[in-house]
Amino acid sequence: MTNLTPQTYNVIGLMSGTSLDGVDIAFCRFTVDKNKWHFEIVQAETKAYTEEWRKRLLCSETADAVIFQQTHYEYGAYLGRLVSDFMIKHSVNADFVSSHGHTIFHQPDKRFTVQIGAGSAIAAACKTSVVYDFRSLDVALGGQGAPLVPIGDKLLFHEYDYCLNLGGFANVSYEHSGKRRAYDICPVNIVMNEVAERLGKAYDDKGEIARSGMISRYLLNELNELPYFRQPPEIPKSLGKEWVIQNLVPLLDQYEIEDNDLLCTFCEHIAAQIARALEGRKTGRMLITGGGVYNDYLIERIRELVSLEIVIPEKQIIEYKEALIFAFLGVLRMRNEVNCLKSVTGAREDNCGGAVYHF
């Protein structure tokens, strides 16, 4: 029986993306009234990783079992301390913490996915209940375990016809024939930030480096013809760092071109793949969030190739939408409601993922 009494939840959402720029921390307030959800991001900030933590996270995929497990718990304790400091700094108290963790392995075809940051260690460090490990149940049910954001797009951002995120990877979410459809489109910042770092930059500010380059048509054609990009959206699909290393890096290494030309070409590839994903969709509003929004050149190319009305929201939504939605996934988990959709992941059934540590 549905509870129609308004209920409010105060939750801290934690998000760490593949670009390794830091941990997004968002204190969010959710209210459900007559089955309609409302949200507010009350306070939010990003804590940049120290060089030590960047190296540890980068090396985790090749660490031995003991070091890996030690990092899993120490990273959880680190996240817990960040939460504790955040609550003191902003004078807030959360009902619980909802943590995505940091993805080290994502190979759903082999039935495993790993996001480190032990929930027990987070809870012990910040003395607050924790929900974490959102992907594993879906993978065990035969799904991709990703993307997880679409349920938040559906319930919190329903006024938009399409939700596009430009983070480590580009992913899109929309309604199709009465069901939510969503998938990873292509790599974005996981590739472009690495190229920018070769030039001594953390990222390509406003896309000015890419704008100064020229498109390599040969490389662009090869990128666009990689098998993943020819898979139809009806097939649940997701990308991880392993795919980039195995499929993309060898291709990029074959081309001896200037880094600005590489960035220019890759921006064109991203825009082309987004246009392919939305092919035939001429009307509607598309919300774009994630760090890639600040790449003016990339946004220009997307606007050129996509017919939809593009909406760039306020800075808080651009930067913290994923942390917000992971906080929301935790709310749904605590309510024992579906937070992962089989129409998106390909799992045998809708499910309610997340392990809980009550404190």
Protein backbone atom coordinates (compact mmCIF):
# COMPACT_ATOMS: atom_id res chain seq x y z
CA MET A 1 0.00 0.00 0.00
CA THR A 2 1.46 3.36 -1.06
CA ASN A 3 2.12 5.85 1.70
CA LEU A 4 0.63 9.20 0.63
CA THR A 5 1.94 11.10 3.67
CA PRO A 6 4.76 13.51 2.65
CA GLN A 7 8.13 12.13 3.70
CA THR A 8 11.50 13.87 3.73
CA TYR A 9 14.99 12.38 3.53
CA ASN A 10 18.30 14.17 4.14
CA VAL A 11 21.07 12.27 2.40
CA ILE A 12 24.71 12.76 1.45
CA GLY A 13 25.53 11.40 -2.00
CA LEU A 14 29.12 10.51 -2.92
CA MET A 15 30.36 10.14 -6.48
CA SER A 16 33.81 9.43 -7.89
CA GLY A 17 34.08 9.23 -11.66
CA THR A 18 36.57 7.67 -14.03
CA SER A 19 38.19 11.06 -14.72
CA LEU A 20 39.64 10.97 -11.17
CA ASP A 21 39.24 14.69 -10.59
CA GLY A 22 37.90 14.16 -7.07
CA VAL A 23 35.00 13.11 -4.87
CA ASP A 24 31.68 14.90 -5.35
CA ILE A 25 29.85 15.34 -2.04
CA ALA A 26 26.26 16.54 -2.08
CA PHE A 27 23.89 17.00 0.87
CA CYS A 28 20.47 16.56 -0.69
CA ARG A 29 16.90 16.82 0.58
CA PHE A 30 14.20 14.67 -1.02
CA THR A 31 10.49 14.92 -0.37
CA VAL A 32 7.87 12.55 -1.73
CA ASP A 33 4.29 13.76 -1.70
CA LYS A 34 1.51 11.77 -3.35
CA ASN A 35 4.08 9.70 -5.27
CA LYS A 36 5.78 12.79 -6.70
CA TRP A 37 9.43 13.45 -5.84
CA HIS A 38 11.00 16.85 -5.19
CA PHE A 39 14.66 17.52 -4.48
CA GLU A 40 17.07 20.20 -3.34
CA ILE A 41 20.86 20.20 -3.33
CA VAL A 42 21.44 22.03 -0.06
CA GLN A 43 25.25 21.98 0.02
CA ALA A 44 27.79 20.45 -2.35
CA GLU A 45 31.50 20.49 -3.04
CA THR A 46 34.21 18.49 -4.78
CA LYS A 47 37.26 17.34 -2.85
CA ALA A 48 40.16 16.97 -5.26
CA TYR A 49 42.22 13.82 -4.93
CA THR A 50 45.73 14.10 -3.61
CA GLU A 51 48.39 12.78 -5.96
CA GLU A 52 48.81 9.83 -3.62
CA TRP A 53 45.15 8.83 -3.91
CA ARG A 54 45.15 9.34 -7.69
CA LYS A 55 48.06 6.93 -7.98
CA ARG A 56 46.53 4.38 -5.61
CA LEU A 57 43.24 4.35 -7.49
CA LEU A 58 44.98 4.16 -10.85
CA CYS A 59 47.12 1.25 -9.67
CA SER A 60 44.35 -0.69 -7.96
CA GLU A 61 43.45 -2.71 -11.04
CA THR A 62 46.91 -4.29 -11.08
CA ALA A 63 47.43 -4.55 -7.29
CA ASP A 64 47.78 -7.92 -5.58
CA ALA A 65 44.85 -9.21 -3.53
CA VAL A 66 46.13 -7.99 -0.17
CA ILE A 67 46.93 -4.46 -1.39
CA PHE A 68 43.60 -4.29 -3.23
CA GLN A 69 41.60 -5.24 -0.13
CA GLN A 70 43.61 -2.83 2.00
CA THR A 71 42.91 -0.02 -0.48
CA HIS A 72 39.21 -0.93 -0.50
CA TYR A 73 38.95 -0.35 3.26
CA GLU A 74 41.33 2.60 3.48
CA TYR A 75 39.50 4.36 0.66
CA GLY A 76 36.23 3.77 2.50
CA ALA A 77 37.71 5.30 5.65
CA TYR A 78 38.95 8.23 3.55
CA LEU A 79 35.44 8.79 2.17
CA GLY A 80 34.01 8.59 5.68
CA ARG A 81 36.41 11.27 6.93
CA LEU A 82 35.45 13.50 3.99
CA VAL A 83 31.79 13.09 4.94
CA SER A 84 32.47 13.81 8.60
CA ASP A 85 34.44 16.97 7.74
CA PHE A 86 31.72 18.03 5.29
CA MET A 87 28.94 17.68 7.88
CA ILE A 88 30.91 19.69 10.44
CA LYS A 89 31.84 22.38 7.93
CA HIS A 90 28.27 22.89 6.69
CA SER A 91 26.48 22.12 9.98
CA VAL A 92 24.34 19.39 8.46
CA ASN A 93 23.26 15.94 9.62
CA ALA A 94 22.40 13.20 7.16
CA ASP A 95 19.96 10.36 7.68
CA PHE A 96 22.47 8.23 5.81
CA VAL A 97 25.26 8.33 3.21
CA SER A 98 24.82 6.90 -0.27
CA SER A 99 28.12 6.10 -1.98
CA HIS A 100 28.84 5.07 -5.55
CA GLY A 101 32.46 4.29 -4.70
CA HIS A 102 35.18 4.31 -7.34
CA THR A 103 34.96 1.81 -10.17
CA ILE A 104 38.04 -0.37 -10.60
CA PHE A 105 36.57 -3.24 -12.62
CA HIS A 106 33.43 -3.28 -14.72
CA GLN A 107 33.07 -6.44 -16.78
CA PRO A 108 29.40 -7.42 -16.70
CA ASP A 109 29.93 -9.89 -19.55
CA LYS A 110 32.04 -11.86 -17.04
CA ARG A 111 29.47 -11.23 -14.30
CA PHE A 112 31.45 -8.92 -12.07
CA THR A 113 31.79 -5.24 -11.28
CA VAL A 114 33.81 -3.66 -8.45
CA GLN A 115 33.48 -0.22 -6.89
CA ILE A 116 35.90 0.18 -4.00
CA GLY A 117 35.25 2.11 -0.80
CA ALA A 118 33.99 -0.29 1.87
CA GLY A 119 30.62 0.78 3.28
CA SER A 120 31.59 -0.50 6.72
CA ALA A 121 34.66 1.75 6.75
CA ILE A 122 32.63 4.77 5.59
CA ALA A 123 30.05 4.18 8.33
CA ALA A 124 32.69 3.72 11.03
CA ALA A 125 34.52 6.91 10.04
CA CYS A 126 31.48 9.22 9.84
CA LYS A 127 29.24 7.40 12.35
CA THR A 128 26.34 7.42 9.90
CA SER A 129 24.46 4.64 8.12
CA VAL A 130 25.68 3.89 4.60
CA VAL A 131 24.26 2.45 1.37
CA TYR A 132 26.84 1.35 -1.20
CA ASP A 133 27.58 -1.31 -3.87
CA PHE A 134 24.66 -0.43 -6.12
CA ARG A 135 25.71 -2.40 -9.20
CA SER A 136 26.43 -5.94 -8.02
CA LEU A 137 22.86 -7.23 -7.67
CA ASP A 138 21.94 -6.17 -11.18
CA VAL A 139 25.04 -7.85 -12.62
CA ALA A 140 24.17 -11.03 -10.69
CA LEU A 141 20.74 -10.84 -12.33
CA GLY A 142 22.36 -10.85 -15.76
CA GLY A 143 22.37 -7.07 -16.26
CA GLN A 144 25.04 -4.56 -17.10
CA GLY A 145 24.89 -2.95 -13.65
CA ALA A 146 24.84 0.34 -15.54
CA PRO A 147 23.74 2.93 -16.14
CA LEU A 148 22.06 3.52 -12.80
CA VAL A 149 21.18 7.20 -13.20
CA PRO A 150 18.07 6.67 -15.43
CA ILE A 151 15.68 5.96 -12.55
CA GLY A 152 16.68 9.38 -11.17
CA ASP A 153 16.22 10.97 -14.59
CA LYS A 154 12.75 9.42 -14.78
CA LEU A 155 11.57 10.47 -11.31
CA LEU A 156 13.49 13.71 -10.68
CA PHE A 157 14.04 15.22 -14.16
CA HIS A 158 10.87 14.11 -15.94
CA GLU A 159 10.37 17.54 -17.51
CA TYR A 160 13.16 16.74 -19.98
CA ASP A 161 12.71 14.36 -22.90
CA TYR A 162 16.39 13.37 -22.88
CA CYS A 163 19.13 13.50 -20.23
CA LEU A 164 22.70 13.46 -21.53
CA ASN A 165 25.69 13.31 -19.20
CA LEU A 166 29.19 14.18 -20.39
CA GLY A 167 31.53 12.73 -17.77
CA GLY A 168 34.19 10.08 -18.11
CA PHE A 169 31.74 8.58 -20.58
CA ALA A 170 28.74 10.04 -22.37
CA ASN A 171 25.44 8.39 -21.51
CA VAL A 172 21.87 9.17 -22.44
CA SER A 173 18.49 8.40 -20.88
CA TYR A 174 14.98 8.77 -22.34
CA GLU A 175 11.51 7.20 -22.51
CA HIS A 176 10.78 4.91 -25.46
CA SER A 177 7.50 3.04 -25.97
CA GLY A 178 6.60 3.43 -22.31
CA LYS A 179 9.95 2.17 -21.00
CA ARG A 180 13.14 3.89 -19.92
CA ARG A 181 16.03 3.36 -22.30
CA ALA A 182 19.59 4.36 -21.42
CA TYR A 183 23.15 3.36 -22.26
CA ASP A 184 26.73 4.55 -22.50
CA ILE A 185 27.39 6.25 -25.83
CA CYS A 186 31.16 6.72 -25.92
CA PRO A 187 34.19 7.79 -23.86
CA VAL A 188 34.58 11.51 -23.17
CA ASN A 189 36.75 12.91 -20.38
CA ILE A 190 38.48 9.61 -19.62
CA VAL A 191 40.25 10.09 -22.95
CA MET A 192 40.33 13.87 -23.41
CA ASN A 193 41.69 14.66 -19.94
CA GLU A 194 44.55 12.22 -20.46
CA VAL A 195 45.49 13.93 -23.73
CA ALA A 196 45.28 17.35 -22.07
CA GLU A 197 47.57 16.13 -19.27
CA ARG A 198 50.26 15.40 -21.86
CA LEU A 199 50.14 19.12 -22.60
CA GLY A 200 50.47 20.04 -18.93
CA LYS A 201 46.75 20.78 -18.47
CA ALA A 202 44.29 19.04 -16.17
CA TYR A 203 41.67 19.35 -18.92
CA ASP A 204 41.04 21.24 -22.16
CA ASP A 205 39.60 24.48 -20.76
CA LYS A 206 36.56 25.50 -22.85
CA GLY A 207 37.84 23.17 -25.59
CA GLU A 208 40.31 25.77 -26.83
CA ILE A 209 43.02 23.18 -27.54
CA ALA A 210 40.59 21.09 -29.57
CA ARG A 211 39.37 24.20 -31.38
CA SER A 212 42.93 24.95 -32.50
CA GLY A 213 43.32 21.51 -34.10
CA MET A 214 42.21 19.85 -37.30
CA ILE A 215 40.11 16.72 -37.74
CA SER A 216 41.91 13.57 -38.89
CA ARG A 217 39.27 12.03 -41.14
CA TYR A 218 41.03 8.67 -41.21
CA LEU A 219 41.13 8.41 -37.41
CA LEU A 220 37.56 9.72 -37.12
CA ASN A 221 36.28 7.04 -39.50
CA GLU A 222 38.09 4.29 -37.59
CA LEU A 223 36.75 5.53 -34.26
CA ASN A 224 33.19 5.66 -35.54
CA GLU A 225 33.42 2.12 -36.93
CA LEU A 226 34.48 0.40 -33.72
CA PRO A 227 32.05 -2.51 -33.10
CA TYR A 228 30.59 -1.04 -29.87
CA PHE A 229 29.28 2.00 -31.74
CA ARG A 230 27.44 -0.17 -34.25
CA GLN A 231 25.44 -1.94 -31.52
CA PRO A 232 21.80 -0.79 -31.56
CA PRO A 233 20.38 0.96 -28.46
CA GLU A 234 17.92 -1.92 -27.99
CA ILE A 235 20.86 -3.97 -26.69
CA PRO A 236 21.77 -3.00 -23.09
CA LYS A 237 25.37 -1.84 -23.18
CA SER A 238 27.86 -0.04 -21.00
CA LEU A 239 31.50 1.01 -21.13
CA GLY A 240 34.36 0.82 -18.66
CA LYS A 241 38.02 1.70 -18.43
CA GLU A 242 38.92 -1.82 -19.60
CA TRP A 243 37.14 -1.21 -22.92
CA VAL A 244 39.09 2.01 -23.43
CA ILE A 245 42.40 0.28 -22.75
CA GLN A 246 41.65 -2.70 -24.96
CA ASN A 247 39.90 -1.04 -27.88
CA LEU A 248 40.56 2.68 -27.99
CA VAL A 249 44.12 3.23 -26.78
CA PRO A 250 45.71 0.89 -29.38
CA LEU A 251 43.83 2.70 -32.15
CA LEU A 252 44.82 6.17 -30.94
CA ASP A 253 48.45 5.05 -30.59
CA GLN A 254 48.55 4.13 -34.29
CA TYR A 255 48.18 7.77 -35.28
CA GLU A 256 51.14 10.10 -34.91
CA ILE A 257 49.23 13.36 -34.89
CA GLU A 258 49.50 16.46 -32.75
CA ASP A 259 47.55 16.40 -29.50
CA ASN A 260 45.38 19.36 -30.51
CA ASP A 261 44.38 17.48 -33.69
CA LEU A 262 43.66 14.40 -31.59
CA LEU A 263 41.40 16.40 -29.26
CA CYS A 264 39.67 18.05 -32.21
CA THR A 265 39.07 14.66 -33.82
CA PHE A 266 37.83 13.09 -30.60
CA CYS A 267 35.37 15.94 -29.99
CA GLU A 268 33.98 15.33 -33.46
CA HIS A 269 33.73 11.61 -32.70
CA ILE A 270 31.80 12.30 -29.47
CA ALA A 271 29.39 14.66 -31.20
CA ALA A 272 28.90 12.18 -34.07
CA GLN A 273 28.12 9.32 -31.69
CA ILE A 274 25.65 11.43 -29.73
CA ALA A 275 23.98 12.39 -33.01
CA ARG A 276 23.88 8.70 -34.02
CA ALA A 277 22.31 7.78 -30.67
CA LEU A 278 19.59 10.40 -31.21
CA GLU A 279 19.16 9.79 -34.92
CA GLY A 280 15.62 10.53 -36.07
CA ARG A 281 14.76 12.48 -32.94
CA LYS A 282 14.02 15.99 -34.13
CA THR A 283 11.99 17.51 -31.30
CA GLY A 284 12.21 17.63 -27.52
CA ARG A 285 14.35 19.09 -24.76
CA MET A 286 17.68 17.57 -23.79
CA LEU A 287 19.34 18.31 -20.45
CA ILE A 288 23.14 18.14 -20.59
CA THR A 289 25.22 17.79 -17.42
CA GLY A 290 28.72 16.69 -16.41
CA GLY A 291 32.15 18.25 -16.79
CA GLY A 292 32.01 18.06 -20.57
CA VAL A 293 29.45 20.89 -20.50
CA TYR A 294 32.35 23.29 -19.89
CA ASN A 295 33.98 22.27 -23.18
CA ASP A 296 32.46 25.00 -25.32
CA TYR A 297 33.85 23.54 -28.53
CA LEU A 298 32.30 20.12 -27.83
CA ILE A 299 28.92 21.67 -27.02
CA GLU A 300 29.07 23.66 -30.28
CA ARG A 301 29.68 20.47 -32.25
CA ILE A 302 26.79 18.72 -30.48
CA ARG A 303 24.47 21.64 -31.20
CA GLU A 304 25.52 21.50 -34.84
CA LEU A 305 24.74 17.79 -35.24
CA VAL A 306 21.71 17.34 -32.95
CA SER A 307 18.29 18.89 -33.67
CA LEU A 308 16.95 18.82 -30.09
CA GLU A 309 16.60 21.88 -27.87
CA ILE A 310 19.67 21.75 -25.61
CA VAL A 311 19.31 22.90 -22.01
CA ILE A 312 22.39 23.69 -19.90
CA PRO A 313 21.22 23.88 -16.26
CA GLU A 314 22.61 25.77 -13.29
CA LYS A 315 26.14 24.96 -12.19
CA GLN A 316 25.03 22.90 -9.19
CA ILE A 317 23.08 20.48 -11.40
CA ILE A 318 25.86 20.35 -14.01
CA GLU A 319 28.43 19.32 -11.45
CA TYR A 320 26.46 17.34 -8.87
CA LYS A 321 23.62 15.63 -10.71
CA GLU A 322 25.26 12.21 -10.38
CA ALA A 323 25.95 12.65 -6.66
CA LEU A 324 22.34 13.81 -6.28
CA ILE A 325 20.99 10.76 -8.06
CA PHE A 326 23.16 8.34 -6.11
CA ALA A 327 21.78 9.92 -2.96
CA PHE A 328 18.33 9.27 -4.44
CA LEU A 329 19.19 5.64 -5.25
CA GLY A 330 19.98 5.25 -1.57
CA VAL A 331 16.57 6.65 -0.65
CA LEU A 332 14.86 4.13 -2.92
CA ARG A 333 16.99 1.35 -1.41
CA MET A 334 15.99 2.35 2.12
CA ARG A 335 12.35 2.35 0.99
CA ASN A 336 12.83 -1.10 -0.63
CA GLU A 337 11.72 0.33 -3.98
CA VAL A 338 13.14 -0.36 -7.44
CA ASN A 339 16.27 1.67 -8.14
CA CYS A 340 17.60 -0.24 -11.16
CA LEU A 341 15.58 -0.84 -14.33
CA LYS A 342 15.81 -4.03 -16.40
CA SER A 343 14.79 -2.05 -19.49
CA VAL A 344 18.09 -0.19 -19.14
CA THR A 345 20.51 -2.83 -17.90
CA GLY A 346 19.12 -6.00 -19.46
CA ALA A 347 18.74 -7.75 -16.10
CA ARG A 348 16.13 -10.47 -15.68
CA GLU A 349 14.04 -8.17 -13.49
CA ASP A 350 13.86 -4.70 -12.01
CA ASN A 351 15.75 -4.69 -8.74
CA CYS A 352 16.61 -2.75 -5.61
CA GLY A 353 20.39 -2.70 -5.36
CA GLY A 354 22.69 -1.54 -2.59
CA ALA A 355 24.24 -3.01 0.53
CA VAL A 356 23.33 -1.27 3.78
CA TYR A 357 25.34 -0.68 6.96
CA HIS A 358 23.14 0.71 9.70
CA PHE A 359 24.93 2.81 12.31
